Protein backbone atom coordinates (compact mmCIF):
# COMPACT_ATOMS: atom_id res chain seq x y z
CA UNK A 1 162.85 172.87 205.33
CA UNK A 2 164.17 169.63 204.33
CA UNK A 3 165.16 168.99 208.27
CA UNK A 4 161.64 170.07 209.35
CA UNK A 5 159.18 167.60 210.31
CA UNK A 6 156.41 166.39 208.23
CA UNK A 7 153.56 164.65 208.77
CA UNK A 8 151.32 164.08 205.34
CA UNK A 9 147.49 163.30 205.58
CA UNK A 10 146.55 160.90 203.46
CA UNK A 11 143.73 157.93 203.32
CA UNK A 12 145.47 155.61 200.63
CA UNK A 13 149.44 156.46 201.38
CA UNK A 14 150.97 154.14 203.83
CA UNK A 15 154.19 154.90 204.46
CA UNK A 16 156.12 158.18 203.23
CA UNK A 17 159.26 158.14 200.14
CA UNK A 18 159.96 161.42 201.38
CA UNK A 19 163.10 162.05 204.06
CA UNK A 20 161.88 163.43 207.14
CA UNK A 21 158.13 162.80 206.97
CA UNK A 22 155.59 160.74 208.08
CA UNK A 23 151.82 159.39 206.83
CA UNK A 24 149.03 159.95 209.10
CA UNK A 25 145.68 158.48 207.76
CA UNK A 26 142.62 157.43 209.74
CA UNK A 27 139.97 160.29 211.82
CA UNK A 28 141.33 163.89 210.62
CA UNK A 29 140.28 165.71 214.03
CA UNK A 30 142.41 162.37 216.21
CA UNK A 31 145.63 163.26 214.09
CA UNK A 32 145.07 167.28 213.79
CA UNK A 33 144.02 167.49 217.88
CA UNK A 34 147.53 164.58 218.30
CA UNK A 35 149.79 166.41 216.48
CA UNK A 36 148.63 169.92 218.47
CA UNK A 37 149.16 168.13 221.87
CA UNK A 38 152.50 167.58 221.13
CA UNK A 39 155.33 170.52 222.00
CA UNK A 40 157.13 172.44 219.19
CA UNK A 41 154.75 175.66 218.57
CA UNK A 42 152.72 176.18 215.87
CA UNK A 43 151.44 173.59 212.62
CA UNK A 44 151.11 174.96 209.47
CA UNK A 45 149.29 172.96 206.92
CA UNK A 46 149.25 173.15 203.57
CA UNK A 47 146.84 171.78 200.83
CA UNK A 48 144.60 171.53 198.73
CA UNK A 49 140.60 172.31 198.50
CA UNK A 50 139.24 168.91 200.19
CA UNK A 51 141.90 169.30 203.01
CA UNK A 52 141.22 172.36 203.75
CA UNK A 53 137.29 172.27 203.95
CA UNK A 54 137.22 169.18 205.95
CA UNK A 55 139.76 171.04 208.33
CA UNK A 56 136.99 174.17 208.40
CA UNK A 57 134.39 172.20 208.66
CA UNK A 58 135.54 170.13 211.60
CA UNK A 59 136.75 173.26 213.37
CA UNK A 60 140.80 172.36 213.56
CA UNK A 61 141.70 175.78 212.16
CA UNK A 62 142.87 178.41 214.38
CA UNK A 63 143.90 180.95 211.83
CA UNK A 64 143.29 180.96 208.10
CA UNK A 65 145.39 182.25 205.71
CA UNK A 66 144.55 182.29 201.86
CA UNK A 67 146.39 182.10 198.83
CA UNK A 68 145.03 182.10 195.57
CA UNK A 69 146.34 180.96 192.04
CA UNK A 70 144.12 181.73 189.46
CA UNK A 71 143.96 179.28 186.70
CA UNK A 72 142.47 180.32 183.40
CA UNK A 73 141.80 176.84 182.02
CA UNK A 74 141.05 173.23 183.51
CA UNK A 75 138.10 173.04 185.88
CA UNK A 76 137.65 173.02 189.47
CA UNK A 77 136.19 172.02 192.65
CA UNK A 78 132.77 172.81 192.24
CA UNK A 79 130.66 175.30 194.20
CA UNK A 80 128.38 173.33 197.05
């Protein structure tokens, strides 16, 4: 996994402290479509509810796998 190139989607970071990772900010659709246009195969997006809901709203996902991690206490994202 350390050798796999990674792109961190962020509106706050400007550079990556992690090896083999770059930061991309700006318009999400432009970033994702640019990544899809590169050679190399499939993309995998790991992220929280904000990123995933943004990807879904913009029609940028070709396939979706949900992993649910229940939490017994605390607060999550409010229902829309």
